[in-house]
């Protein structure tokens, strides 16, 4: 077996014969002589040391080895086609990868819709998502690890970053129905908030380390994951602020209830979200798509 002498053309001919059902049909599809197609497949079989087709019948049938190796051949061809497409796009100035730093409060439904549109427009560009909170989003953009970021839990836009205003996310105070604060009618006094464990998102960045936003209690439990905070809230282990779109089903089902605090309006706090990016970052077609798509958002509510 001399696998290093295999050619992509041989693999394409092999796949075409399998798809067409005969050497003659494959020759027509490839606009080649039937003898050239037969020679390419025979040479490939000799190099691999196995028969890819059973030729004992009127039409060639894939052998057991041929069925297995056809999957490998298609995978190789797909990877080569992707390589060619990505290289061509990069030569024209298109990015090969987009890295986005997103705040944990950014609605997942909106993100899914954006990613669907992006994949349709740039199928060859890979996407790296980093979900962060507080200053970690801005830090990823400032240090160049992320091409753009979406701030939510950080109330300020760091200097030297360009920004695009996005729709707001409604932030509400919630607790389990069994929680002591859920028994309070009307606005909860600050002294009662301070007596209960508050579940707070922690900051993994140096940008805003040791800074607290909307923290009312010294009895705070801190975590970097919004899903963990959500689970602890439903378990009655504390109270905290959550994006309304994340807890909407829990509120409707009674697994959580809203609580009113002096820091937030009765209906909740409209939290501004911002798209941020560095002014010195080269804006290629893929990044330009994201900036345009985000700028056109008027609401995070499902259409």
C-alpha atoms as a PDB file:
ATOM      1  CA  UNK A   1       0.000   0.000   0.000  1.00  0.00           C
ATOM      2  CA  UNK A   2       1.360   3.399  -1.017  1.00  0.00           C
ATOM      3  CA  UNK A   3      -1.190   5.777   0.421  1.00  0.00           C
ATOM      4  CA  UNK A   4       1.003   8.869   0.040  1.00  0.00           C
ATOM      5  CA  UNK A   5       0.593   8.672  -3.737  1.00  0.00           C
ATOM      6  CA  UNK A   6      -3.197   8.954  -3.505  1.00  0.00           C
ATOM      7  CA  UNK A   7      -4.629  11.952  -5.288  1.00  0.00           C
ATOM      8  CA  UNK A   8      -7.722  14.019  -4.581  1.00  0.00           C
ATOM      9  CA  UNK A   9      -8.786  13.381  -8.160  1.00  0.00           C
ATOM     10  CA  UNK A  10      -8.861   9.645  -7.514  1.00  0.00           C
ATOM     11  CA  UNK A  11     -11.048  10.156  -4.457  1.00  0.00           C
ATOM     12  CA  UNK A  12     -13.424  12.411  -6.404  1.00  0.00           C
ATOM     13  CA  UNK A  13     -13.715   9.834  -9.191  1.00  0.00           C
ATOM     14  CA  UNK A  14     -14.323   7.072  -6.604  1.00  0.00           C
ATOM     15  CA  UNK A  15     -17.122   9.095  -4.989  1.00  0.00           C
ATOM     16  CA  UNK A  16     -18.643   9.981  -8.354  1.00  0.00           C
ATOM     17  CA  UNK A  17     -18.781   6.340  -9.484  1.00  0.00           C
ATOM     18  CA  UNK A  18     -20.475   5.428  -6.198  1.00  0.00           C
ATOM     19  CA  UNK A  19     -22.990   8.272  -6.643  1.00  0.00           C
ATOM     20  CA  UNK A  20     -23.627   7.624 -10.345  1.00  0.00           C
ATOM     21  CA  UNK A  21     -23.932   3.837 -10.086  1.00  0.00           C
ATOM     22  CA  UNK A  22     -21.662   3.029 -13.023  1.00  0.00           C
ATOM     23  CA  UNK A  23     -18.352   3.948 -14.605  1.00  0.00           C
ATOM     24  CA  UNK A  24     -20.130   5.169 -17.734  1.00  0.00           C
ATOM     25  CA  UNK A  25     -22.484   7.496 -15.826  1.00  0.00           C
ATOM     26  CA  UNK A  26     -19.576   8.807 -13.763  1.00  0.00           C
ATOM     27  CA  UNK A  27     -17.582   9.465 -16.942  1.00  0.00           C
ATOM     28  CA  UNK A  28     -20.475  11.498 -18.325  1.00  0.00           C
ATOM     29  CA  UNK A  29     -20.830  13.472 -15.083  1.00  0.00           C
ATOM     30  CA  UNK A  30     -17.097  14.211 -15.037  1.00  0.00           C
ATOM     31  CA  UNK A  31     -16.898  14.826 -18.800  1.00  0.00           C
ATOM     32  CA  UNK A  32     -14.149  12.214 -19.143  1.00  0.00           C
ATOM     33  CA  UNK A  33     -13.578   9.037 -21.085  1.00  0.00           C
ATOM     34  CA  UNK A  34     -14.874   5.894 -19.375  1.00  0.00           C
ATOM     35  CA  UNK A  35     -11.400   4.363 -19.646  1.00  0.00           C
ATOM     36  CA  UNK A  36      -9.941   7.298 -17.664  1.00  0.00           C
ATOM     37  CA  UNK A  37     -12.524   6.828 -14.908  1.00  0.00           C
ATOM     38  CA  UNK A  38     -11.880   3.073 -14.759  1.00  0.00           C
ATOM     39  CA  UNK A  39      -8.137   3.645 -14.656  1.00  0.00           C
ATOM     40  CA  UNK A  40      -8.422   6.147 -11.773  1.00  0.00           C
ATOM     41  CA  UNK A  41     -10.482   3.736  -9.675  1.00  0.00           C
ATOM     42  CA  UNK A  42      -8.276   0.731 -10.494  1.00  0.00           C
ATOM     43  CA  UNK A  43      -5.141   2.683  -9.586  1.00  0.00           C
ATOM     44  CA  UNK A  44      -6.751   3.756  -6.301  1.00  0.00           C
ATOM     45  CA  UNK A  45      -7.660   0.146  -5.505  1.00  0.00           C
ATOM     46  CA  UNK A  46      -4.090  -0.965  -6.186  1.00  0.00           C
ATOM     47  CA  UNK A  47      -2.668   1.743  -3.959  1.00  0.00           C
ATOM     48  CA  UNK A  48      -5.093   0.923  -1.131  1.00  0.00           C
ATOM     49  CA  UNK A  49      -4.707  -2.824  -1.578  1.00  0.00           C
ATOM     50  CA  UNK A  50      -8.477  -3.489  -1.550  1.00  0.00           C
ATOM     51  CA  UNK A  51     -11.243  -3.808  -4.121  1.00  0.00           C
ATOM     52  CA  UNK A  52     -13.628  -0.876  -3.818  1.00  0.00           C
ATOM     53  CA  UNK A  53     -16.215  -2.282  -6.214  1.00  0.00           C
ATOM     54  CA  UNK A  54     -17.604  -5.722  -7.010  1.00  0.00           C
ATOM     55  CA  UNK A  55     -17.588  -5.902 -10.821  1.00  0.00           C
ATOM     56  CA  UNK A  56     -19.135  -9.351 -11.146  1.00  0.00           C
ATOM     57  CA  UNK A  57     -22.558  -7.932 -11.983  1.00  0.00           C
ATOM     58  CA  UNK A  58     -23.800  -5.692 -14.783  1.00  0.00           C
ATOM     59  CA  UNK A  59     -23.379  -2.591 -12.642  1.00  0.00           C
ATOM     60  CA  UNK A  60     -20.487  -2.225 -10.187  1.00  0.00           C
ATOM     61  CA  UNK A  61     -21.509  -2.528  -6.553  1.00  0.00           C
ATOM     62  CA  UNK A  62     -19.571  -1.124  -3.632  1.00  0.00           C
ATOM     63  CA  UNK A  63     -17.699  -3.813  -1.758  1.00  0.00           C
ATOM     64  CA  UNK A  64     -17.808  -3.901   2.039  1.00  0.00           C
ATOM     65  CA  UNK A  65     -14.414  -2.174   2.091  1.00  0.00           C
ATOM     66  CA  UNK A  66     -15.660   0.322  -0.491  1.00  0.00           C
ATOM     67  CA  UNK A  67     -18.649   1.272   1.679  1.00  0.00           C
ATOM     68  CA  UNK A  68     -16.411   1.966   4.649  1.00  0.00           C
ATOM     69  CA  UNK A  69     -13.710   3.786   2.710  1.00  0.00           C
ATOM     70  CA  UNK A  70     -16.232   5.907   0.811  1.00  0.00           C
ATOM     71  CA  UNK A  71     -17.135   7.641   4.087  1.00  0.00           C
ATOM     72  CA  UNK A  72     -13.453   8.407   4.675  1.00  0.00           C
ATOM     73  CA  UNK A  73     -13.025   9.658   1.122  1.00  0.00           C
ATOM     74  CA  UNK A  74     -15.993  11.996   1.439  1.00  0.00           C
ATOM     75  CA  UNK A  75     -14.639  13.352   4.710  1.00  0.00           C
ATOM     76  CA  UNK A  76     -11.275  14.089   3.093  1.00  0.00           C
ATOM     77  CA  UNK A  77     -12.953  15.784   0.129  1.00  0.00           C
ATOM     78  CA  UNK A  78     -15.186  17.860   2.409  1.00  0.00           C
ATOM     79  CA  UNK A  79     -12.185  19.039   4.401  1.00  0.00           C
ATOM     80  CA  UNK A  80     -10.268  19.949   1.261  1.00  0.00           C
ATOM     81  CA  UNK A  81     -13.256  21.852  -0.144  1.00  0.00           C
ATOM     82  CA  UNK A  82     -13.593  23.731   3.153  1.00  0.00           C
ATOM     83  CA  UNK A  83      -9.872  24.524   3.108  1.00  0.00           C
ATOM     84  CA  UNK A  84     -10.128  25.926  -0.408  1.00  0.00           C
ATOM     85  CA  UNK A  85     -13.189  27.998   0.448  1.00  0.00           C
ATOM     86  CA  UNK A  86     -11.657  29.414   3.620  1.00  0.00           C
ATOM     87  CA  UNK A  87      -8.346  30.196   1.907  1.00  0.00           C
ATOM     88  CA  UNK A  88     -10.162  31.974  -0.928  1.00  0.00           C
ATOM     89  CA  UNK A  89     -12.251  33.972   1.542  1.00  0.00           C
ATOM     90  CA  UNK A  90      -9.211  34.935   3.606  1.00  0.00           C
ATOM     91  CA  UNK A  91      -7.384  36.070   0.463  1.00  0.00           C
ATOM     92  CA  UNK A  92     -10.296  38.427  -0.144  1.00  0.00           C
ATOM     93  CA  UNK A  93     -10.088  39.879   3.381  1.00  0.00           C
ATOM     94  CA  UNK A  94     -12.684  37.699   5.110  1.00  0.00           C
ATOM     95  CA  UNK A  95     -11.974  36.450   8.625  1.00  0.00           C
ATOM     96  CA  UNK A  96     -11.598  32.712   9.231  1.00  0.00           C
ATOM     97  CA  UNK A  97     -12.931  32.922  12.797  1.00  0.00           C
ATOM     98  CA  UNK A  98     -15.074  35.304  14.821  1.00  0.00           C
ATOM     99  CA  UNK A  99     -14.637  35.483  18.599  1.00  0.00           C
ATOM    100  CA  UNK A 100     -17.488  37.037  20.573  1.00  0.00           C
ATOM    101  CA  UNK A 101     -17.560  37.820  24.297  1.00  0.00           C
ATOM    102  CA  UNK A 102     -21.169  37.887  25.476  1.00  0.00           C
ATOM    103  CA  UNK A 103     -22.650  38.931  28.777  1.00  0.00           C
ATOM    104  CA  UNK A 104     -24.556  36.180  30.593  1.00  0.00           C
ATOM    105  CA  UNK A 105     -27.662  38.385  30.438  1.00  0.00           C
ATOM    106  CA  UNK A 106     -27.773  38.440  26.624  1.00  0.00           C
ATOM    107  CA  UNK A 107     -30.941  36.549  25.601  1.00  0.00           C
ATOM    108  CA  UNK A 108     -30.186  33.102  24.198  1.00  0.00           C
ATOM    109  CA  UNK A 109     -33.095  33.275  21.733  1.00  0.00           C
ATOM    110  CA  UNK A 110     -31.661  36.461  20.207  1.00  0.00           C
ATOM    111  CA  UNK A 111     -28.204  34.880  20.028  1.00  0.00           C
ATOM    112  CA  UNK A 112     -29.553  31.789  18.248  1.00  0.00           C
ATOM    113  CA  UNK A 113     -31.325  33.959  15.672  1.00  0.00           C
ATOM    114  CA  UNK A 114     -28.172  35.968  15.014  1.00  0.00           C
ATOM    115  CA  UNK A 115     -26.038  32.843  14.671  1.00  0.00           C
ATOM    116  CA  UNK A 116     -28.488  31.323  12.198  1.00  0.00           C
ATOM    117  CA  UNK A 117     -28.276  34.427  10.052  1.00  0.00           C
ATOM    118  CA  UNK A 118     -24.500  34.546  10.326  1.00  0.00           C
ATOM    119  CA  UNK A 119     -24.050  30.909   9.336  1.00  0.00           C
ATOM    120  CA  UNK A 120     -26.221  31.462   6.262  1.00  0.00           C
ATOM    121  CA  UNK A 121     -24.100  34.469   5.256  1.00  0.00           C
ATOM    122  CA  UNK A 122     -20.670  33.047   6.191  1.00  0.00           C
ATOM    123  CA  UNK A 123     -20.834  29.230   6.254  1.00  0.00           C
ATOM    124  CA  UNK A 124     -17.035  28.894   6.200  1.00  0.00           C
ATOM    125  CA  UNK A 125     -16.324  31.129   9.206  1.00  0.00           C
ATOM    126  CA  UNK A 126     -16.044  29.452  12.590  1.00  0.00           C
ATOM    127  CA  UNK A 127     -17.472  31.092  15.722  1.00  0.00           C
ATOM    128  CA  UNK A 128     -16.004  31.132  19.224  1.00  0.00           C
ATOM    129  CA  UNK A 129     -18.364  32.229  22.003  1.00  0.00           C
ATOM    130  CA  UNK A 130     -17.151  33.300  25.440  1.00  0.00           C
ATOM    131  CA  UNK A 131     -19.929  33.844  27.970  1.00  0.00           C
ATOM    132  CA  UNK A 132     -18.800  36.151  30.756  1.00  0.00           C
ATOM    133  CA  UNK A 133     -20.125  38.578  33.359  1.00  0.00           C
ATOM    134  CA  UNK A 134     -19.310  42.082  34.539  1.00  0.00           C
ATOM    135  CA  UNK A 135     -15.866  43.332  33.515  1.00  0.00           C
ATOM    136  CA  UNK A 136     -14.729  40.064  31.921  1.00  0.00           C
ATOM    137  CA  UNK A 137     -16.527  40.897  28.660  1.00  0.00           C
ATOM    138  CA  UNK A 138     -14.807  44.263  28.294  1.00  0.00           C
ATOM    139  CA  UNK A 139     -11.500  42.746  29.331  1.00  0.00           C
ATOM    140  CA  UNK A 140     -11.672  40.183  26.507  1.00  0.00           C
ATOM    141  CA  UNK A 141     -12.220  42.989  24.003  1.00  0.00           C
ATOM    142  CA  UNK A 142      -9.552  45.281  25.443  1.00  0.00           C
ATOM    143  CA  UNK A 143      -6.877  42.582  25.373  1.00  0.00           C
ATOM    144  CA  UNK A 144      -7.804  41.610  21.813  1.00  0.00           C
ATOM    145  CA  UNK A 145      -9.023  38.087  22.591  1.00  0.00           C
ATOM    146  CA  UNK A 146     -12.540  38.945  21.406  1.00  0.00           C
ATOM    147  CA  UNK A 147     -13.384  40.933  18.274  1.00  0.00           C
ATOM    148  CA  UNK A 148     -16.489  42.369  19.872  1.00  0.00           C
ATOM    149  CA  UNK A 149     -18.344  42.087  23.138  1.00  0.00           C
ATOM    150  CA  UNK A 150     -21.831  42.645  24.471  1.00  0.00           C
ATOM    151  CA  UNK A 151     -22.021  44.267  27.886  1.00  0.00           C
ATOM    152  CA  UNK A 152     -24.965  43.877  30.213  1.00  0.00           C
ATOM    153  CA  UNK A 153     -23.997  43.311  33.827  1.00  0.00           C
ATOM    154  CA  UNK A 154     -21.271  45.983  33.653  1.00  0.00           C
ATOM    155  CA  UNK A 155     -23.053  49.361  33.861  1.00  0.00           C
ATOM    156  CA  UNK A 156     -20.243  51.389  32.248  1.00  0.00           C
ATOM    157  CA  UNK A 157     -18.480  51.256  28.883  1.00  0.00           C
ATOM    158  CA  UNK A 158     -14.689  51.415  29.368  1.00  0.00           C
ATOM    159  CA  UNK A 159     -12.898  54.310  27.748  1.00  0.00           C
ATOM    160  CA  UNK A 160     -11.239  53.820  24.364  1.00  0.00           C
ATOM    161  CA  UNK A 161     -13.916  51.377  23.181  1.00  0.00           C
ATOM    162  CA  UNK A 162     -16.499  52.116  20.520  1.00  0.00           C
ATOM    163  CA  UNK A 163     -20.032  51.042  21.340  1.00  0.00           C
ATOM    164  CA  UNK A 164     -23.454  50.462  19.814  1.00  0.00           C
ATOM    165  CA  UNK A 165     -26.554  50.748  21.991  1.00  0.00           C
ATOM    166  CA  UNK A 166     -28.710  47.621  22.013  1.00  0.00           C
ATOM    167  CA  UNK A 167     -32.223  46.918  23.364  1.00  0.00           C
ATOM    168  CA  UNK A 168     -32.599  46.693  27.125  1.00  0.00           C
ATOM    169  CA  UNK A 169     -33.031  43.597  29.283  1.00  0.00           C
ATOM    170  CA  UNK A 170     -35.489  43.763  32.176  1.00  0.00           C
ATOM    171  CA  UNK A 171     -33.892  42.831  35.504  1.00  0.00           C
ATOM    172  CA  UNK A 172     -36.137  41.646  38.349  1.00  0.00           C
ATOM    173  CA  UNK A 173     -35.568  40.605  41.958  1.00  0.00           C
ATOM    174  CA  UNK A 174     -36.754  37.047  42.561  1.00  0.00           C
ATOM    175  CA  UNK A 175     -36.908  34.407  45.271  1.00  0.00           C
ATOM    176  CA  UNK A 176     -38.536  31.031  45.790  1.00  0.00           C
ATOM    177  CA  UNK A 177     -42.117  31.156  47.176  1.00  0.00           C
ATOM    178  CA  UNK A 178     -40.867  29.604  50.416  1.00  0.00           C
ATOM    179  CA  UNK A 179     -38.192  32.278  50.926  1.00  0.00           C
ATOM    180  CA  UNK A 180     -38.799  34.763  53.804  1.00  0.00           C
ATOM    181  CA  UNK A 181     -38.617  37.759  51.461  1.00  0.00           C
ATOM    182  CA  UNK A 182     -41.421  36.282  49.344  1.00  0.00           C
ATOM    183  CA  UNK A 183     -43.738  36.747  52.306  1.00  0.00           C
ATOM    184  CA  UNK A 184     -43.212  40.527  52.360  1.00  0.00           C
ATOM    185  CA  UNK A 185     -45.990  42.603  50.824  1.00  0.00           C
ATOM    186  CA  UNK A 186     -44.862  45.596  48.793  1.00  0.00           C
ATOM    187  CA  UNK A 187     -41.335  46.958  48.776  1.00  0.00           C
ATOM    188  CA  UNK A 188     -38.838  45.000  50.884  1.00  0.00           C
ATOM    189  CA  UNK A 189     -37.023  47.217  53.419  1.00  0.00           C
ATOM    190  CA  UNK A 190     -33.264  47.470  53.005  1.00  0.00           C
ATOM    191  CA  UNK A 191     -32.677  46.034  56.477  1.00  0.00           C
ATOM    192  CA  UNK A 192     -34.523  42.825  55.536  1.00  0.00           C
ATOM    193  CA  UNK A 193     -32.536  42.495  52.300  1.00  0.00           C
ATOM    194  CA  UNK A 194     -29.327  42.800  54.299  1.00  0.00           C
ATOM    195  CA  UNK A 195     -30.385  39.939  56.590  1.00  0.00           C
ATOM    196  CA  UNK A 196     -30.838  37.410  53.794  1.00  0.00           C
ATOM    197  CA  UNK A 197     -28.338  35.639  51.573  1.00  0.00           C
ATOM    198  CA  UNK A 198     -28.100  37.407  48.213  1.00  0.00           C
ATOM    199  CA  UNK A 199     -26.941  35.383  45.230  1.00  0.00           C
ATOM    200  CA  UNK A 200     -24.537  37.508  43.198  1.00  0.00           C
ATOM    201  CA  UNK A 201     -22.605  37.009  39.979  1.00  0.00           C
ATOM    202  CA  UNK A 202     -18.868  37.157  40.598  1.00  0.00           C
ATOM    203  CA  UNK A 203     -16.324  38.979  38.452  1.00  0.00           C
ATOM    204  CA  UNK A 204     -13.450  36.955  37.007  1.00  0.00           C
ATOM    205  CA  UNK A 205     -11.722  40.020  35.543  1.00  0.00           C
ATOM    206  CA  UNK A 206      -9.217  42.472  36.964  1.00  0.00           C
ATOM    207  CA  UNK A 207     -11.085  45.339  35.300  1.00  0.00           C
ATOM    208  CA  UNK A 208     -13.842  45.547  37.919  1.00  0.00           C
ATOM    209  CA  UNK A 209     -12.538  43.203  40.605  1.00  0.00           C
ATOM    210  CA  UNK A 210     -13.865  43.913  44.108  1.00  0.00           C
ATOM    211  CA  UNK A 211     -16.562  46.228  42.731  1.00  0.00           C
ATOM    212  CA  UNK A 212     -20.174  45.440  43.639  1.00  0.00           C
ATOM    213  CA  UNK A 213     -23.254  46.389  41.633  1.00  0.00           C
ATOM    214  CA  UNK A 214     -26.737  46.158  43.221  1.00  0.00           C
ATOM    215  CA  UNK A 215     -25.483  44.175  46.207  1.00  0.00           C
ATOM    216  CA  UNK A 216     -27.585  44.824  49.325  1.00  0.00           C
ATOM    217  CA  UNK A 217     -26.371  42.136  51.704  1.00  0.00           C
ATOM    218  CA  UNK A 218     -23.044  41.261  53.256  1.00  0.00           C
ATOM    219  CA  UNK A 219     -24.365  37.677  53.323  1.00  0.00           C
ATOM    220  CA  UNK A 220     -23.674  37.140  49.633  1.00  0.00           C
ATOM    221  CA  UNK A 221     -22.955  33.930  47.802  1.00  0.00           C
ATOM    222  CA  UNK A 222     -20.993  34.542  44.606  1.00  0.00           C
ATOM    223  CA  UNK A 223     -20.788  32.491  41.440  1.00  0.00           C
ATOM    224  CA  UNK A 224     -19.727  33.078  37.845  1.00  0.00           C
ATOM    225  CA  UNK A 225     -22.424  30.945  36.222  1.00  0.00           C
ATOM    226  CA  UNK A 226     -25.952  32.251  35.688  1.00  0.00           C
ATOM    227  CA  UNK A 227     -27.369  28.741  35.448  1.00  0.00           C
ATOM    228  CA  UNK A 228     -26.049  27.890  38.917  1.00  0.00           C
ATOM    229  CA  UNK A 229     -27.513  31.082  40.324  1.00  0.00           C
ATOM    230  CA  UNK A 230     -30.849  30.226  38.729  1.00  0.00           C
ATOM    231  CA  UNK A 231     -30.871  26.761  40.307  1.00  0.00           C
ATOM    232  CA  UNK A 232     -29.981  28.102  43.760  1.00  0.00           C
ATOM    233  CA  UNK A 233     -32.758  30.677  43.546  1.00  0.00           C
ATOM    234  CA  UNK A 234     -35.331  28.000  42.746  1.00  0.00           C
ATOM    235  CA  UNK A 235     -33.992  25.922  45.634  1.00  0.00           C
ATOM    236  CA  UNK A 236     -34.700  28.804  48.034  1.00  0.00           C
ATOM    237  CA  UNK A 237     -31.047  29.252  49.017  1.00  0.00           C
ATOM    238  CA  UNK A 238     -31.140  33.010  48.553  1.00  0.00           C
ATOM    239  CA  UNK A 239     -32.627  35.877  46.586  1.00  0.00           C
ATOM    240  CA  UNK A 240     -31.170  37.806  43.691  1.00  0.00           C
ATOM    241  CA  UNK A 241     -31.640  39.753  40.498  1.00  0.00           C
ATOM    242  CA  UNK A 242     -32.223  37.874  37.246  1.00  0.00           C
ATOM    243  CA  UNK A 243     -33.063  38.793  33.650  1.00  0.00           C
ATOM    244  CA  UNK A 244     -36.818  38.456  33.302  1.00  0.00           C
ATOM    245  CA  UNK A 245     -36.511  36.415  30.086  1.00  0.00           C
ATOM    246  CA  UNK A 246     -34.519  33.771  31.998  1.00  0.00           C
ATOM    247  CA  UNK A 247     -37.055  33.356  34.818  1.00  0.00           C
ATOM    248  CA  UNK A 248     -40.273  34.025  32.874  1.00  0.00           C
ATOM    249  CA  UNK A 249     -41.342  30.368  32.893  1.00  0.00           C
ATOM    250  CA  UNK A 250     -40.550  30.042  36.614  1.00  0.00           C
ATOM    251  CA  UNK A 251     -42.626  33.119  37.419  1.00  0.00           C
ATOM    252  CA  UNK A 252     -45.539  31.827  35.334  1.00  0.00           C
ATOM    253  CA  UNK A 253     -45.354  28.391  37.013  1.00  0.00           C
ATOM    254  CA  UNK A 254     -44.910  29.809  40.520  1.00  0.00           C
ATOM    255  CA  UNK A 255     -41.452  28.324  41.050  1.00  0.00           C
ATOM    256  CA  UNK A 256     -40.179  31.860  41.648  1.00  0.00           C
ATOM    257  CA  UNK A 257     -41.872  35.103  42.668  1.00  0.00           C
ATOM    258  CA  UNK A 258     -40.786  38.685  42.187  1.00  0.00           C
ATOM    259  CA  UNK A 259     -39.717  40.812  45.116  1.00  0.00           C
ATOM    260  CA  UNK A 260     -39.575  44.607  45.094  1.00  0.00           C
ATOM    261  CA  UNK A 261     -36.459  46.380  46.275  1.00  0.00           C
ATOM    262  CA  UNK A 262     -35.688  50.057  46.734  1.00  0.00           C
ATOM    263  CA  UNK A 263     -33.060  49.888  43.981  1.00  0.00           C
ATOM    264  CA  UNK A 264     -35.446  48.781  41.229  1.00  0.00           C
ATOM    265  CA  UNK A 265     -38.789  50.075  39.894  1.00  0.00           C
ATOM    266  CA  UNK A 266     -41.829  47.855  40.619  1.00  0.00           C
ATOM    267  CA  UNK A 267     -41.802  46.293  37.135  1.00  0.00           C
ATOM    268  CA  UNK A 268     -38.046  45.743  37.171  1.00  0.00           C
ATOM    269  CA  UNK A 269     -34.980  47.638  36.028  1.00  0.00           C
ATOM    270  CA  UNK A 270     -34.397  48.174  32.300  1.00  0.00           C
ATOM    271  CA  UNK A 271     -30.747  47.219  31.941  1.00  0.00           C
ATOM    272  CA  UNK A 272     -28.975  48.837  28.956  1.00  0.00           C
ATOM    273  CA  UNK A 273     -26.902  46.507  26.795  1.00  0.00           C
ATOM    274  CA  UNK A 274     -24.013  47.676  24.637  1.00  0.00           C
ATOM    275  CA  UNK A 275     -22.011  46.165  21.800  1.00  0.00           C
ATOM    276  CA  UNK A 276     -18.347  47.152  22.236  1.00  0.00           C
ATOM    277  CA  UNK A 277     -15.295  46.843  20.004  1.00  0.00           C
ATOM    278  CA  UNK A 278     -11.838  48.324  19.662  1.00  0.00           C
ATOM    279  CA  UNK A 279     -11.442  51.200  17.185  1.00  0.00           C
ATOM    280  CA  UNK A 280      -8.107  49.802  15.967  1.00  0.00           C
ATOM    281  CA  UNK A 281      -9.460  46.335  15.145  1.00  0.00           C
ATOM    282  CA  UNK A 282      -9.630  45.558  11.438  1.00  0.00           C
ATOM    283  CA  UNK A 283     -13.266  45.166  10.442  1.00  0.00           C
ATOM    284  CA  UNK A 284     -13.601  42.436   7.832  1.00  0.00           C
ATOM    285  CA  UNK A 285     -16.824  41.252   6.181  1.00  0.00           C
ATOM    286  CA  UNK A 286     -17.762  38.814   8.975  1.00  0.00           C
ATOM    287  CA  UNK A 287     -17.252  41.294  11.809  1.00  0.00           C
ATOM    288  CA  UNK A 288     -19.025  43.970   9.770  1.00  0.00           C
ATOM    289  CA  UNK A 289     -22.017  41.612   9.514  1.00  0.00           C
ATOM    290  CA  UNK A 290     -22.204  41.354  13.303  1.00  0.00           C
ATOM    291  CA  UNK A 291     -21.949  45.106  13.829  1.00  0.00           C
ATOM    292  CA  UNK A 292     -24.722  45.729  11.294  1.00  0.00           C
ATOM    293  CA  UNK A 293     -26.960  42.956  12.634  1.00  0.00           C
ATOM    294  CA  UNK A 294     -26.623  44.126  16.231  1.00  0.00           C
ATOM    295  CA  UNK A 295     -27.214  47.770  15.273  1.00  0.00           C
ATOM    296  CA  UNK A 296     -30.483  46.749  13.610  1.00  0.00           C
ATOM    297  CA  UNK A 297     -31.876  45.026  16.715  1.00  0.00           C
ATOM    298  CA  UNK A 298     -34.886  46.892  18.075  1.00  0.00           C
ATOM    299  CA  UNK A 299     -36.043  44.310  20.597  1.00  0.00           C
ATOM    300  CA  UNK A 300     -34.985  41.065  22.190  1.00  0.00           C
ATOM    301  CA  UNK A 301     -38.571  39.807  22.217  1.00  0.00           C
ATOM    302  CA  UNK A 302     -39.312  36.861  19.855  1.00  0.00           C
ATOM    303  CA  UNK A 303     -40.893  37.953  16.570  1.00  0.00           C
END
